[in-house]
Amino acid sequence: MCSSRLLRFAVFSLCVDPTGLKVKPGEDALLQCQSPGGGSIILLEWSRPELQSEGYVFFFRNNRPYEKYQHESFKGRVELRDPNMKDGDVSVIVRNVTIRDTGTYECEITTRDKESVTSESKHSVNLTVTDSGELTVSVIVGVVVSVVLILIVACVIKRRRLWVLPINTDVNMF
């Protein structure tokens, strides 16, 4: 016999944020993700696909986070924006980001409602950690100035050699 309590139905949805997020090294990055309404969150997994086998960015189950499942580089640096996950806000803050944090992050949420209906949703966020354009401009200016100085020094050395070489009009070359 089949009971309605044993009946399970799974729903899966995927959302990708095409704009992404750009921050500078040392700043905090807010990776936003929203749970679909209507159920309690039983599992929350924030991951980076290339790090999946080595651990999660953030892992939440049984109403609490588990740091032991985190990738080493994220331990102590990631927390929920709202620890109560009010209104389904499962966004996380990555503290003190570095260039190595650049990549695609996936938020996977599993919820269950009163009728034991389980639903999963996924959201991706593209994070880019980069220095400001000022550094790039400084490097370009530095390279241009260096090249100009090298050219000037080369011209000066060439002229000095021409001045130092004695011109002997008495020598017959043939």
C-alpha atoms as a PDB file:
ATOM      1  CA  MET A   1       0.000   0.000   0.000  1.00  0.00           C
ATOM      2  CA  CYS A   2       1.170   3.493  -0.797  1.00  0.00           C
ATOM      3  CA  SER A   3       0.904   6.265   1.755  1.00  0.00           C
ATOM      4  CA  SER A   4       0.885   9.947   0.792  1.00  0.00           C
ATOM      5  CA  ARG A   5       3.606  10.539   3.376  1.00  0.00           C
ATOM      6  CA  LEU A   6       5.945   8.235   1.526  1.00  0.00           C
ATOM      7  CA  LEU A   7       5.277   9.920  -1.780  1.00  0.00           C
ATOM      8  CA  ARG A   8       8.250  12.038  -2.819  1.00  0.00           C
ATOM      9  CA  PHE A   9       8.433  14.475  -5.679  1.00  0.00           C
ATOM     10  CA  ALA A  10      11.614  16.191  -6.812  1.00  0.00           C
ATOM     11  CA  VAL A  11      11.827  19.520  -8.594  1.00  0.00           C
ATOM     12  CA  PHE A  12      15.073  20.874  -9.999  1.00  0.00           C
ATOM     13  CA  SER A  13      15.773  24.346 -11.328  1.00  0.00           C
ATOM     14  CA  LEU A  14      18.900  26.167 -12.452  1.00  0.00           C
ATOM     15  CA  CYS A  15      19.626  29.883 -12.450  1.00  0.00           C
ATOM     16  CA  VAL A  16      22.812  31.478 -13.784  1.00  0.00           C
ATOM     17  CA  ASP A  17      23.820  35.070 -13.045  1.00  0.00           C
ATOM     18  CA  PRO A  18      25.394  36.271 -16.313  1.00  0.00           C
ATOM     19  CA  THR A  19      26.708  39.535 -14.894  1.00  0.00           C
ATOM     20  CA  GLY A  20      28.934  38.108 -12.222  1.00  0.00           C
ATOM     21  CA  LEU A  21      30.653  39.879  -9.379  1.00  0.00           C
ATOM     22  CA  LYS A  22      33.950  41.805  -9.460  1.00  0.00           C
ATOM     23  CA  VAL A  23      35.949  42.632  -6.333  1.00  0.00           C
ATOM     24  CA  LYS A  24      39.506  43.606  -5.433  1.00  0.00           C
ATOM     25  CA  PRO A  25      41.930  41.464  -3.416  1.00  0.00           C
ATOM     26  CA  GLY A  26      41.414  41.880   0.318  1.00  0.00           C
ATOM     27  CA  GLU A  27      37.743  42.800  -0.026  1.00  0.00           C
ATOM     28  CA  ASP A  28      34.771  40.669   0.992  1.00  0.00           C
ATOM     29  CA  ALA A  29      32.617  39.104  -1.714  1.00  0.00           C
ATOM     30  CA  LEU A  30      28.884  38.577  -1.275  1.00  0.00           C
ATOM     31  CA  LEU A  31      27.770  35.531  -3.256  1.00  0.00           C
ATOM     32  CA  GLN A  32      24.004  35.869  -3.495  1.00  0.00           C
ATOM     33  CA  CYS A  33      21.589  32.976  -3.601  1.00  0.00           C
ATOM     34  CA  GLN A  34      17.904  32.715  -2.765  1.00  0.00           C
ATOM     35  CA  SER A  35      16.007  29.577  -1.821  1.00  0.00           C
ATOM     36  CA  PRO A  36      12.675  29.042  -3.543  1.00  0.00           C
ATOM     37  CA  GLY A  37       9.883  29.607  -1.027  1.00  0.00           C
ATOM     38  CA  GLY A  38       7.711  27.006   0.537  1.00  0.00           C
ATOM     39  CA  GLY A  39       9.967  24.624   2.398  1.00  0.00           C
ATOM     40  CA  SER A  40      12.581  24.243   5.065  1.00  0.00           C
ATOM     41  CA  ILE A  41      16.202  24.095   3.965  1.00  0.00           C
ATOM     42  CA  ILE A  42      17.589  20.659   4.736  1.00  0.00           C
ATOM     43  CA  LEU A  43      20.851  20.975   2.803  1.00  0.00           C
ATOM     44  CA  LEU A  44      22.883  23.892   1.444  1.00  0.00           C
ATOM     45  CA  GLU A  45      26.054  23.354  -0.556  1.00  0.00           C
ATOM     46  CA  TRP A  46      28.199  26.177  -1.921  1.00  0.00           C
ATOM     47  CA  SER A  47      30.909  24.774  -4.170  1.00  0.00           C
ATOM     48  CA  ARG A  48      33.385  25.532  -6.927  1.00  0.00           C
ATOM     49  CA  PRO A  49      33.226  22.766  -9.522  1.00  0.00           C
ATOM     50  CA  GLU A  50      37.009  22.507  -9.811  1.00  0.00           C
ATOM     51  CA  LEU A  51      37.298  22.018  -6.017  1.00  0.00           C
ATOM     52  CA  GLN A  52      34.324  19.655  -5.556  1.00  0.00           C
ATOM     53  CA  SER A  53      36.413  16.585  -4.755  1.00  0.00           C
ATOM     54  CA  GLU A  54      38.486  18.502  -2.215  1.00  0.00           C
ATOM     55  CA  GLY A  55      35.642  20.060  -0.234  1.00  0.00           C
ATOM     56  CA  TYR A  56      33.002  22.729  -0.289  1.00  0.00           C
ATOM     57  CA  VAL A  57      33.125  26.486  -0.091  1.00  0.00           C
ATOM     58  CA  PHE A  58      30.325  26.257   2.508  1.00  0.00           C
ATOM     59  CA  PHE A  59      28.291  23.276   3.737  1.00  0.00           C
ATOM     60  CA  PHE A  60      25.093  23.457   5.827  1.00  0.00           C
ATOM     61  CA  ARG A  61      22.986  20.509   7.052  1.00  0.00           C
ATOM     62  CA  ASN A  62      20.914  19.678  10.131  1.00  0.00           C
ATOM     63  CA  ASN A  63      20.414  23.391  10.818  1.00  0.00           C
ATOM     64  CA  ARG A  64      24.106  24.149  11.171  1.00  0.00           C
ATOM     65  CA  PRO A  65      27.254  24.758   9.084  1.00  0.00           C
ATOM     66  CA  TYR A  66      29.983  22.109   8.947  1.00  0.00           C
ATOM     67  CA  GLU A  67      33.472  23.558   8.579  1.00  0.00           C
ATOM     68  CA  LYS A  68      35.045  20.103   8.413  1.00  0.00           C
ATOM     69  CA  TYR A  69      33.610  19.644   4.898  1.00  0.00           C
ATOM     70  CA  GLN A  70      35.106  22.916   3.651  1.00  0.00           C
ATOM     71  CA  HIS A  71      38.039  23.181   1.302  1.00  0.00           C
ATOM     72  CA  GLU A  72      41.116  24.312   3.244  1.00  0.00           C
ATOM     73  CA  SER A  73      41.347  27.655   1.445  1.00  0.00           C
ATOM     74  CA  PHE A  74      37.836  28.640   2.619  1.00  0.00           C
ATOM     75  CA  LYS A  75      37.999  27.580   6.277  1.00  0.00           C
ATOM     76  CA  GLY A  76      37.334  30.539   8.563  1.00  0.00           C
ATOM     77  CA  ARG A  77      36.580  32.860   5.618  1.00  0.00           C
ATOM     78  CA  VAL A  78      32.998  31.971   4.620  1.00  0.00           C
ATOM     79  CA  GLU A  79      29.766  32.578   6.525  1.00  0.00           C
ATOM     80  CA  LEU A  80      26.078  33.008   5.825  1.00  0.00           C
ATOM     81  CA  ARG A  81      25.028  36.624   5.324  1.00  0.00           C
ATOM     82  CA  ASP A  82      21.989  35.861   7.474  1.00  0.00           C
ATOM     83  CA  PRO A  83      22.592  32.920   9.845  1.00  0.00           C
ATOM     84  CA  ASN A  84      18.791  32.555  10.215  1.00  0.00           C
ATOM     85  CA  MET A  85      18.360  32.363   6.417  1.00  0.00           C
ATOM     86  CA  LYS A  86      15.323  34.625   6.727  1.00  0.00           C
ATOM     87  CA  ASP A  87      13.102  34.609   3.640  1.00  0.00           C
ATOM     88  CA  GLY A  88      15.303  31.916   2.061  1.00  0.00           C
ATOM     89  CA  ASP A  89      18.440  34.082   1.884  1.00  0.00           C
ATOM     90  CA  VAL A  90      21.300  31.569   1.640  1.00  0.00           C
ATOM     91  CA  SER A  91      23.887  34.098   0.410  1.00  0.00           C
ATOM     92  CA  VAL A  92      27.401  33.722   1.771  1.00  0.00           C
ATOM     93  CA  ILE A  93      30.196  36.203   2.406  1.00  0.00           C
ATOM     94  CA  VAL A  94      33.722  35.196   1.395  1.00  0.00           C
ATOM     95  CA  ARG A  95      36.120  37.274   3.497  1.00  0.00           C
ATOM     96  CA  ASN A  96      39.478  38.668   2.378  1.00  0.00           C
ATOM     97  CA  VAL A  97      39.351  37.361  -1.203  1.00  0.00           C
ATOM     98  CA  THR A  98      42.466  36.674  -3.283  1.00  0.00           C
ATOM     99  CA  ILE A  99      43.061  36.220  -6.992  1.00  0.00           C
ATOM    100  CA  ARG A 100      42.833  32.439  -6.388  1.00  0.00           C
ATOM    101  CA  ASP A 101      39.174  32.880  -5.399  1.00  0.00           C
ATOM    102  CA  THR A 102      38.279  33.847  -8.979  1.00  0.00           C
ATOM    103  CA  GLY A 103      35.890  31.324 -10.526  1.00  0.00           C
ATOM    104  CA  THR A 104      32.343  30.043 -10.752  1.00  0.00           C
ATOM    105  CA  TYR A 105      30.526  29.295  -7.518  1.00  0.00           C
ATOM    106  CA  GLU A 106      27.461  27.082  -7.329  1.00  0.00           C
ATOM    107  CA  CYS A 107      24.779  27.269  -4.675  1.00  0.00           C
ATOM    108  CA  GLU A 108      22.699  24.093  -4.397  1.00  0.00           C
ATOM    109  CA  ILE A 109      19.697  24.122  -2.075  1.00  0.00           C
ATOM    110  CA  THR A 110      17.583  21.173  -1.045  1.00  0.00           C
ATOM    111  CA  THR A 111      14.277  21.955   0.668  1.00  0.00           C
ATOM    112  CA  ARG A 112      11.438  19.840   2.011  1.00  0.00           C
ATOM    113  CA  ASP A 113       7.874  20.929   2.626  1.00  0.00           C
ATOM    114  CA  LYS A 114       5.222  19.488   4.972  1.00  0.00           C
ATOM    115  CA  GLU A 115       4.140  16.852   2.432  1.00  0.00           C
ATOM    116  CA  SER A 116       7.702  15.499   2.093  1.00  0.00           C
ATOM    117  CA  VAL A 117       8.073  17.093  -1.305  1.00  0.00           C
ATOM    118  CA  THR A 118      11.761  17.629  -1.920  1.00  0.00           C
ATOM    119  CA  SER A 119      13.000  20.277  -4.297  1.00  0.00           C
ATOM    120  CA  GLU A 120      16.463  21.245  -5.363  1.00  0.00           C
ATOM    121  CA  SER A 121      17.612  24.452  -6.949  1.00  0.00           C
ATOM    122  CA  LYS A 122      20.973  25.584  -8.237  1.00  0.00           C
ATOM    123  CA  HIS A 123      22.339  29.067  -8.747  1.00  0.00           C
ATOM    124  CA  SER A 124      25.730  30.008 -10.209  1.00  0.00           C
ATOM    125  CA  VAL A 125      27.739  33.148  -9.514  1.00  0.00           C
ATOM    126  CA  ASN A 126      30.857  34.121 -11.433  1.00  0.00           C
ATOM    127  CA  LEU A 127      33.382  35.849  -9.146  1.00  0.00           C
ATOM    128  CA  THR A 128      36.302  37.828 -10.555  1.00  0.00           C
ATOM    129  CA  VAL A 129      38.979  39.066  -8.172  1.00  0.00           C
ATOM    130  CA  THR A 130      41.212  41.600  -9.884  1.00  0.00           C
ATOM    131  CA  ASP A 131      43.354  44.586  -9.064  1.00  0.00           C
ATOM    132  CA  SER A 132      42.040  47.960 -10.136  1.00  0.00           C
ATOM    133  CA  GLY A 133      42.910  49.385 -13.545  1.00  0.00           C
ATOM    134  CA  GLU A 134      45.376  51.778 -11.879  1.00  0.00           C
ATOM    135  CA  LEU A 135      47.946  49.022 -11.535  1.00  0.00           C
ATOM    136  CA  THR A 136      47.599  48.114 -15.197  1.00  0.00           C
ATOM    137  CA  VAL A 137      48.068  51.745 -16.275  1.00  0.00           C
ATOM    138  CA  SER A 138      51.123  52.073 -14.002  1.00  0.00           C
ATOM    139  CA  VAL A 139      52.700  48.971 -15.481  1.00  0.00           C
ATOM    140  CA  ILE A 140      52.111  50.195 -19.040  1.00  0.00           C
ATOM    141  CA  VAL A 141      53.543  53.647 -18.241  1.00  0.00           C
ATOM    142  CA  GLY A 142      56.523  52.009 -16.532  1.00  0.00           C
ATOM    143  CA  VAL A 143      57.250  49.801 -19.534  1.00  0.00           C
ATOM    144  CA  VAL A 144      56.969  52.721 -21.986  1.00  0.00           C
ATOM    145  CA  VAL A 145      59.270  54.926 -19.878  1.00  0.00           C
ATOM    146  CA  SER A 146      61.795  52.069 -19.581  1.00  0.00           C
ATOM    147  CA  VAL A 147      61.836  51.503 -23.348  1.00  0.00           C
ATOM    148  CA  VAL A 148      62.297  55.235 -24.021  1.00  0.00           C
ATOM    149  CA  LEU A 149      65.180  55.419 -21.521  1.00  0.00           C
ATOM    150  CA  ILE A 150      66.864  52.390 -23.081  1.00  0.00           C
ATOM    151  CA  LEU A 151      66.592  53.980 -26.527  1.00  0.00           C
ATOM    152  CA  ILE A 152      68.051  57.255 -25.270  1.00  0.00           C
ATOM    153  CA  VAL A 153      70.973  55.478 -23.588  1.00  0.00           C
ATOM    154  CA  ALA A 154      71.607  53.441 -26.756  1.00  0.00           C
ATOM    155  CA  CYS A 155      71.688  56.635 -28.866  1.00  0.00           C
ATOM    156  CA  VAL A 156      74.072  58.355 -26.454  1.00  0.00           C
ATOM    157  CA  ILE A 157      76.439  55.368 -26.432  1.00  0.00           C
ATOM    158  CA  LYS A 158      76.401  55.197 -30.238  1.00  0.00           C
ATOM    159  CA  ARG A 159      77.206  58.919 -30.586  1.00  0.00           C
ATOM    160  CA  ARG A 160      80.039  58.689 -28.072  1.00  0.00           C
ATOM    161  CA  ARG A 161      81.592  55.844 -30.007  1.00  0.00           C
ATOM    162  CA  LEU A 162      81.448  57.919 -33.186  1.00  0.00           C
ATOM    163  CA  TRP A 163      83.109  60.859 -31.425  1.00  0.00           C
ATOM    164  CA  VAL A 164      85.829  58.686 -29.881  1.00  0.00           C
ATOM    165  CA  LEU A 165      86.848  56.947 -33.102  1.00  0.00           C
ATOM    166  CA  PRO A 166      89.660  58.939 -34.672  1.00  0.00           C
ATOM    167  CA  ILE A 167      89.265  59.915 -38.250  1.00  0.00           C
ATOM    168  CA  ASN A 168      92.516  59.415 -40.101  1.00  0.00           C
ATOM    169  CA  THR A 169      92.496  60.950 -43.550  1.00  0.00           C
ATOM    170  CA  ASP A 170      96.051  59.792 -44.296  1.00  0.00           C
ATOM    171  CA  VAL A 171      95.199  56.111 -44.363  1.00  0.00           C
ATOM    172  CA  ASN A 172      94.604  54.693 -47.774  1.00  0.00           C
ATOM    173  CA  MET A 173      92.058  51.916 -47.645  1.00  0.00           C
ATOM    174  CA  PHE A 174      92.924  50.461 -51.107  1.00  0.00           C
END
